[in-house]
Amino acid sequence: MNALTYSRFGGPELLQHTQQPAPRVRAHHLLIRVRAVSVNPIDGKIRRGELKLLSGAHFPKSPGSDFAGVVEEVGAGVEGFSVGDRVFGFPGSMREGTLAGLITVAAKSVARIPSGLDDVGAAAVSTVGLAALQALRDVARVAPGERILVNGATGGVGLMLIQFARSRGAHVTAVTSAAGLATARQFGAQRGHDYRTGPLSMLGERFDVVFDLSTKLPFADARDLLAPRGRHVAFEPSPLLLMSSALLGPFRRQKQLVLVTKPSARDLTELAGMLQARELLPPPTEVFELSDARSAFERSERGGVIGKVVIRTAPAPTSPCWSRARRASRPTSSRTG
């Protein structure tokens, strides 16, 4: 089968198309033909070797941490899925990527794609939807009426966070570039701030929760923005950050919290239900074809993406994604949007 792989740690220039043995389905797993994969920051960290203690140093490796696809085979002990089901998921493995023709995934990490949502839209919400839902519900435990600051608000996680926070009755301030302010408001932010116009102290208020998606507002710098019992949530866990949060947390009124996104079929099913009911919009996407996958990673790692970068590994379906959010595009001969 065709797979995107790399044979040593380094930049996106190492990515190449290779032929790899097709996997065999295992008990409690599904064999899935991949149709779309989104690009996430963790993909670059794994490829550069920044997480080798967790990802291992065996090669070749495939990038990709989520997927949308079609069930090809159902493993022993799996119930609720059939061959031909359209599914999406987040395997949660740093050792096995998803940018391959066929992958095996534990059924507990997979849910059905809601009708009307295409493969690109489903891939775009798999990782970021889980991250946003778990950060808001399980880590920060946002309550109605709380004031929320989302720093880096127009990436995939930020746009999902805005919607989840608003659905819980929170007041959301979005920090982004001038180009992203309109999108942040479209997705539900009540207030926006262009970070280039000045420091966040200009906002003149304290927040119950600060979600730092940019990694540029660490807990030490955010404390003056937090309410006396405010919570700061980081999205890129490191051993040092996890240790600091665990050891010092009990002694601080202001809490330093860290999200570690977990695979969850239940949470994916909840996302699917909200998407089906139009209570949640998938983020806008910049779409690359598999033949130009290297460019997709280069685009993501340059930064400034509003929404998500998605690699389509199979022809586009006939039914379009029903997202009201406009898809970004600057087409070339090998890229569509």
Protein backbone atom coordinates (compact mmCIF):
# COMPACT_ATOMS: atom_id res chain seq x y z
CA MET A 1 0.00 0.00 0.00
CA ASN A 2 1.04 3.62 -0.49
CA ALA A 3 2.17 5.47 2.64
CA LEU A 4 3.84 8.78 3.42
CA THR A 5 6.96 7.99 5.44
CA TYR A 6 10.28 9.34 6.69
CA SER A 7 13.40 7.42 7.66
CA ARG A 8 15.12 9.80 10.10
CA PHE A 9 14.24 12.77 12.27
CA GLY A 10 14.17 16.17 10.59
CA GLY A 11 12.10 18.56 8.48
CA PRO A 12 9.20 18.01 6.07
CA GLU A 13 11.65 17.61 3.19
CA LEU A 14 12.24 14.06 4.48
CA LEU A 15 8.68 12.98 3.71
CA GLN A 16 8.34 10.62 0.77
CA HIS A 17 5.79 8.26 -0.76
CA THR A 18 6.72 4.61 -0.27
CA GLN A 19 5.13 1.20 -0.58
CA GLN A 20 4.56 -0.52 2.77
CA PRO A 21 2.95 -3.86 3.73
CA ALA A 22 -0.77 -3.58 4.36
CA PRO A 23 -1.68 -4.10 8.03
CA ARG A 24 -3.87 -6.96 9.21
CA VAL A 25 -6.88 -6.31 11.37
CA ARG A 26 -6.53 -7.33 15.02
CA ALA A 27 -9.09 -8.24 17.64
CA HIS A 28 -11.02 -5.21 18.92
CA HIS A 29 -9.72 -3.16 15.99
CA LEU A 30 -11.00 -1.93 12.65
CA LEU A 31 -9.14 -1.97 9.33
CA ILE A 32 -9.81 1.43 7.76
CA ARG A 33 -9.15 2.79 4.29
CA VAL A 34 -8.02 6.36 4.91
CA ARG A 35 -9.66 9.16 2.92
CA ALA A 36 -8.41 12.29 4.70
CA VAL A 37 -5.97 13.26 7.47
CA SER A 38 -5.49 16.63 9.15
CA VAL A 39 -2.11 18.15 9.99
CA ASN A 40 -1.49 18.82 13.70
CA PRO A 41 1.44 20.42 15.58
CA ILE A 42 2.29 17.09 17.20
CA ASP A 43 3.10 15.64 13.76
CA GLY A 44 6.03 18.03 13.35
CA LYS A 45 7.23 17.46 16.91
CA ILE A 46 7.33 13.69 16.37
CA ARG A 47 9.04 14.03 12.98
CA ARG A 48 11.70 16.40 14.39
CA GLY A 49 12.47 13.96 17.20
CA GLU A 50 11.21 16.22 20.00
CA LEU A 51 9.05 13.42 21.41
CA LYS A 52 11.27 10.42 20.71
CA LEU A 53 10.90 9.13 24.28
CA LEU A 54 7.20 8.63 23.52
CA SER A 55 7.27 7.98 19.78
CA GLY A 56 10.32 5.75 19.68
CA ALA A 57 13.15 5.92 17.17
CA HIS A 58 12.16 3.07 14.85
CA PHE A 59 11.82 3.83 11.15
CA PRO A 60 10.19 4.20 8.75
CA LYS A 61 7.51 6.31 10.42
CA SER A 62 4.30 7.75 8.99
CA PRO A 63 2.98 11.14 10.08
CA GLY A 64 -0.65 11.76 10.94
CA SER A 65 -2.53 11.64 14.23
CA ASP A 66 -6.16 11.48 13.07
CA PHE A 67 -8.20 10.34 10.06
CA ALA A 68 -11.48 10.04 8.25
CA GLY A 69 -12.11 6.90 6.25
CA VAL A 70 -14.17 3.81 5.49
CA VAL A 71 -14.25 0.51 7.39
CA GLU A 72 -12.70 -2.28 5.29
CA GLU A 73 -12.72 -5.08 7.85
CA VAL A 74 -14.07 -5.57 11.39
CA GLY A 75 -11.88 -7.36 13.91
CA ALA A 76 -13.02 -10.03 16.34
CA GLY A 77 -14.86 -8.70 19.37
CA VAL A 78 -15.95 -5.44 17.73
CA GLU A 79 -19.62 -4.52 17.83
CA GLY A 80 -21.48 -1.58 16.35
CA PHE A 81 -19.45 -1.23 13.12
CA SER A 82 -19.87 -2.77 9.68
CA VAL A 83 -17.83 -2.87 6.50
CA GLY A 84 -18.53 0.31 4.53
CA ASP A 85 -19.19 2.56 7.55
CA ARG A 86 -17.74 6.06 7.21
CA VAL A 87 -15.74 6.76 10.37
CA PHE A 88 -13.36 9.27 11.91
CA GLY A 89 -11.05 9.06 14.86
CA PHE A 90 -7.97 9.87 16.91
CA PRO A 91 -5.90 6.75 17.67
CA GLY A 92 -3.73 8.56 20.22
CA SER A 93 -0.57 6.70 19.20
CA MET A 94 2.75 8.47 18.66
CA ARG A 95 4.30 5.33 17.18
CA GLU A 96 1.97 4.62 14.27
CA GLY A 97 0.89 7.42 11.93
CA THR A 98 -2.31 7.56 9.89
CA LEU A 99 -1.09 8.83 6.50
CA ALA A 100 -1.25 5.46 4.79
CA GLY A 101 -3.70 3.71 2.50
CA LEU A 102 -4.86 1.34 5.25
CA ILE A 103 -4.56 1.59 9.03
CA THR A 104 -5.75 -0.48 11.97
CA VAL A 105 -7.36 1.44 14.81
CA ALA A 106 -8.87 0.33 18.10
CA ALA A 107 -12.66 0.52 17.87
CA LYS A 108 -12.72 2.48 21.13
CA SER A 109 -11.03 5.36 19.27
CA VAL A 110 -13.51 5.58 16.38
CA ALA A 111 -17.00 6.95 15.72
CA ARG A 112 -19.27 7.24 12.69
CA ILE A 113 -19.11 10.41 10.62
CA PRO A 114 -22.43 12.30 10.75
CA SER A 115 -24.38 12.31 7.51
CA GLY A 116 -23.74 15.37 5.37
CA LEU A 117 -20.20 15.92 6.64
CA ASP A 118 -17.53 15.07 4.09
CA ASP A 119 -14.20 13.37 4.73
CA VAL A 120 -12.24 16.62 4.86
CA GLY A 121 -14.60 18.12 7.44
CA ALA A 122 -14.50 14.96 9.53
CA ALA A 123 -10.71 14.81 9.51
CA ALA A 124 -10.57 18.50 10.44
CA VAL A 125 -12.47 17.96 13.71
CA SER A 126 -11.06 14.63 14.90
CA THR A 127 -8.09 15.80 16.99
CA VAL A 128 -9.07 19.42 17.60
CA GLY A 129 -12.63 18.57 18.58
CA LEU A 130 -11.45 16.08 21.20
CA ALA A 131 -8.81 18.50 22.49
CA ALA A 132 -11.26 21.37 22.83
CA LEU A 133 -13.99 19.28 24.44
CA GLN A 134 -11.68 17.64 26.97
CA ALA A 135 -9.85 20.89 27.79
CA LEU A 136 -13.05 22.77 28.49
CA ARG A 137 -15.04 20.01 30.19
CA ASP A 138 -12.43 17.91 32.01
CA VAL A 139 -9.40 20.15 32.56
CA ALA A 140 -10.68 23.72 33.00
CA ARG A 141 -14.24 22.70 33.95
CA VAL A 142 -15.68 25.88 32.49
CA ALA A 143 -18.94 27.02 34.10
CA PRO A 144 -21.71 29.29 32.77
CA GLY A 145 -20.90 32.98 33.09
CA GLU A 146 -17.13 32.54 33.30
CA ARG A 147 -14.85 34.78 31.28
CA ILE A 148 -12.60 32.89 28.88
CA LEU A 149 -9.51 34.07 26.98
CA VAL A 150 -8.46 31.96 23.98
CA ASN A 151 -4.93 32.87 22.90
CA GLY A 152 -4.35 31.65 19.34
CA ALA A 153 -8.07 31.47 18.73
CA THR A 154 -8.33 30.80 15.00
CA GLY A 155 -6.51 27.50 14.72
CA GLY A 156 -8.58 24.36 14.73
CA VAL A 157 -8.63 23.89 18.52
CA GLY A 158 -9.34 27.57 19.15
CA LEU A 159 -12.37 27.69 16.87
CA MET A 160 -13.79 24.57 18.50
CA LEU A 161 -13.06 25.95 21.98
CA ILE A 162 -14.94 29.16 21.20
CA GLN A 163 -18.01 27.19 20.20
CA PHE A 164 -17.92 24.84 23.20
CA ALA A 165 -17.40 27.73 25.62
CA ARG A 166 -20.30 29.69 24.16
CA SER A 167 -22.54 26.61 24.33
CA ARG A 168 -21.78 26.47 28.07
CA GLY A 169 -22.72 30.11 28.55
CA ALA A 170 -19.20 31.48 28.92
CA HIS A 171 -18.04 34.87 27.63
CA VAL A 172 -15.21 34.44 25.12
CA THR A 173 -12.41 36.84 24.19
CA ALA A 174 -10.38 35.68 21.18
CA VAL A 175 -6.76 36.68 20.65
CA THR A 176 -5.60 36.32 17.05
CA SER A 177 -4.20 38.27 14.13
CA ALA A 178 -6.21 40.96 12.39
CA ALA A 179 -6.90 38.47 9.59
CA GLY A 180 -8.55 36.08 12.03
CA LEU A 181 -10.81 38.46 13.97
CA ALA A 182 -13.81 38.10 11.65
CA THR A 183 -13.56 34.29 11.75
CA ALA A 184 -13.33 34.28 15.55
CA ARG A 185 -16.51 36.34 15.76
CA GLN A 186 -18.25 34.14 13.17
CA PHE A 187 -17.57 31.14 15.41
CA GLY A 188 -18.96 32.90 18.48
CA ALA A 189 -16.33 35.06 20.21
CA GLN A 190 -17.93 38.13 21.80
CA ARG A 191 -14.69 40.08 21.85
CA GLY A 192 -11.56 39.98 19.73
CA HIS A 193 -8.05 41.31 20.18
CA ASP A 194 -5.37 41.63 17.50
CA TYR A 195 -2.19 40.67 19.33
CA ARG A 196 -0.15 43.00 17.13
CA THR A 197 -1.94 46.09 18.44
CA GLY A 198 -0.55 45.79 21.96
CA PRO A 199 -0.23 43.65 25.10
CA LEU A 200 -3.15 41.71 26.55
CA SER A 201 -3.15 44.03 29.56
CA MET A 202 -4.91 46.48 27.22
CA LEU A 203 -8.03 44.35 27.61
CA GLY A 204 -8.44 45.68 31.16
CA GLU A 205 -10.02 42.57 32.67
CA ARG A 206 -9.25 39.34 34.49
CA PHE A 207 -10.24 35.94 33.15
CA ASP A 208 -11.46 32.80 34.86
CA VAL A 209 -9.69 30.64 32.27
CA VAL A 210 -6.85 31.35 29.85
CA PHE A 211 -6.40 28.76 27.09
CA ASP A 212 -2.93 29.18 25.57
CA LEU A 213 -2.91 27.58 22.13
CA SER A 214 -0.01 29.62 20.78
CA THR A 215 2.52 28.48 23.44
CA LYS A 216 3.46 32.17 23.72
CA LEU A 217 1.52 32.93 26.90
CA PRO A 218 2.93 30.62 29.59
CA PHE A 219 1.49 30.48 33.08
CA ALA A 220 4.07 32.89 34.53
CA ASP A 221 3.12 35.57 31.98
CA ALA A 222 -0.61 34.92 32.24
CA ARG A 223 -0.98 35.25 36.00
CA ASP A 224 -1.74 38.97 35.85
CA LEU A 225 -4.57 38.20 33.43
CA LEU A 226 -6.12 35.55 35.66
CA ALA A 227 -8.79 36.01 38.30
CA PRO A 228 -7.67 35.09 41.86
CA ARG A 229 -8.78 31.50 41.29
CA GLY A 230 -8.26 31.45 37.54
CA ARG A 231 -6.99 28.51 35.53
CA HIS A 232 -4.34 28.49 32.82
CA VAL A 233 -4.48 25.60 30.34
CA ALA A 234 -1.50 24.63 28.17
CA PHE A 235 -1.93 22.37 25.14
CA GLU A 236 1.59 21.10 24.49
CA PRO A 237 2.52 18.89 27.42
CA SER A 238 6.14 18.34 28.35
CA PRO A 239 7.54 16.30 31.26
CA LEU A 240 8.64 19.51 33.01
CA LEU A 241 5.26 21.18 32.59
CA LEU A 242 3.36 18.11 33.76
CA MET A 243 5.61 17.80 36.82
CA SER A 244 5.26 21.49 37.67
CA SER A 245 1.48 21.31 37.40
CA ALA A 246 1.27 18.22 39.62
CA LEU A 247 3.73 19.34 42.31
CA LEU A 248 2.91 23.04 42.60
CA GLY A 249 -0.79 22.98 41.73
CA PRO A 250 -2.07 22.17 45.22
CA PHE A 251 -0.25 25.19 46.66
CA ARG A 252 -1.49 27.78 44.16
CA ARG A 253 -4.82 29.55 44.08
CA GLN A 254 -4.31 30.17 40.37
CA LYS A 255 -3.97 26.80 38.67
CA GLN A 256 -1.53 25.74 35.98
CA LEU A 257 -3.20 22.94 34.03
CA VAL A 258 -2.11 20.81 31.08
CA LEU A 259 -4.22 19.00 28.49
CA VAL A 260 -3.26 15.51 27.35
CA THR A 261 -5.83 14.61 24.69
CA LYS A 262 -7.22 11.10 25.08
CA PRO A 263 -8.79 8.85 22.42
CA SER A 264 -12.49 8.43 23.14
CA ALA A 265 -15.24 6.96 20.98
CA ARG A 266 -17.78 8.45 23.39
CA ASP A 267 -16.41 11.96 22.93
CA LEU A 268 -16.19 11.50 19.16
CA THR A 269 -19.81 10.39 19.14
CA GLU A 270 -20.74 13.50 21.13
CA LEU A 271 -18.92 15.64 18.57
CA ALA A 272 -20.72 13.85 15.75
CA GLY A 273 -24.08 14.52 17.37
CA MET A 274 -23.35 18.23 17.76
CA LEU A 275 -22.14 18.44 14.17
CA GLN A 276 -25.23 16.61 12.95
CA ALA A 277 -27.48 19.00 14.87
CA ARG A 278 -25.60 22.04 13.48
CA GLU A 279 -24.67 22.99 17.04
CA LEU A 280 -21.01 22.87 16.05
CA LEU A 281 -19.21 23.95 12.89
CA PRO A 282 -16.05 22.28 11.62
CA PRO A 283 -13.21 24.76 11.09
CA PRO A 284 -12.39 26.18 7.66
CA THR A 285 -9.80 24.13 5.82
CA GLU A 286 -6.91 24.44 3.43
CA VAL A 287 -6.92 21.19 1.46
CA PHE A 288 -3.95 19.47 -0.17
CA GLU A 289 -3.97 16.35 -2.26
CA LEU A 290 -1.87 13.36 -1.16
CA SER A 291 0.58 13.94 -4.02
CA ASP A 292 1.44 17.31 -2.46
CA ALA A 293 1.43 16.18 1.18
CA ARG A 294 4.87 17.60 1.89
CA SER A 295 3.57 21.07 1.04
CA ALA A 296 0.72 20.57 3.51
CA PHE A 297 3.18 20.09 6.37
CA GLU A 298 5.29 23.02 5.21
CA ARG A 299 2.18 25.21 5.11
CA SER A 300 1.09 24.19 8.60
CA GLU A 301 4.54 24.68 10.10
CA ARG A 302 4.86 28.19 8.65
CA GLY A 303 1.93 29.19 10.87
CA GLY A 304 -0.87 31.65 10.27
CA VAL A 305 -3.42 29.03 9.19
CA ILE A 306 -7.03 29.99 9.95
CA GLY A 307 -8.66 26.65 10.71
CA LYS A 308 -6.99 23.43 9.62
CA VAL A 309 -4.73 22.01 6.95
CA VAL A 310 -6.12 18.70 5.64
CA ILE A 311 -4.59 16.15 3.28
CA ARG A 312 -7.12 14.37 1.09
CA THR A 313 -5.98 10.84 0.30
CA ALA A 314 -8.93 9.84 -1.89
CA PRO A 315 -11.13 11.67 -4.44
CA ALA A 316 -13.57 14.19 -3.02
CA PRO A 317 -17.07 12.82 -2.27
CA THR A 318 -20.09 14.02 -4.20
CA SER A 319 -21.82 15.52 -1.15
CA PRO A 320 -20.14 18.70 0.16
CA CYS A 321 -19.41 19.51 3.77
CA TRP A 322 -22.25 21.60 5.14
CA SER A 323 -20.03 23.89 7.21
CA ARG A 324 -21.06 27.53 6.89
CA ALA A 325 -17.42 28.48 7.41
CA ARG A 326 -15.73 29.41 4.14
CA ARG A 327 -12.84 27.19 3.18
CA ALA A 328 -9.58 28.99 2.58
CA SER A 329 -7.95 28.34 -0.75
CA ARG A 330 -5.06 29.42 -2.92
CA PRO A 331 -5.19 26.63 -5.50
CA THR A 332 -2.20 25.35 -7.39
CA SER A 333 -1.96 22.47 -9.81
CA SER A 334 -1.68 19.99 -6.97
CA ARG A 335 -3.79 21.64 -4.30
CA THR A 336 -7.46 22.40 -3.97
CA GLY A 337 -9.49 24.26 -1.40
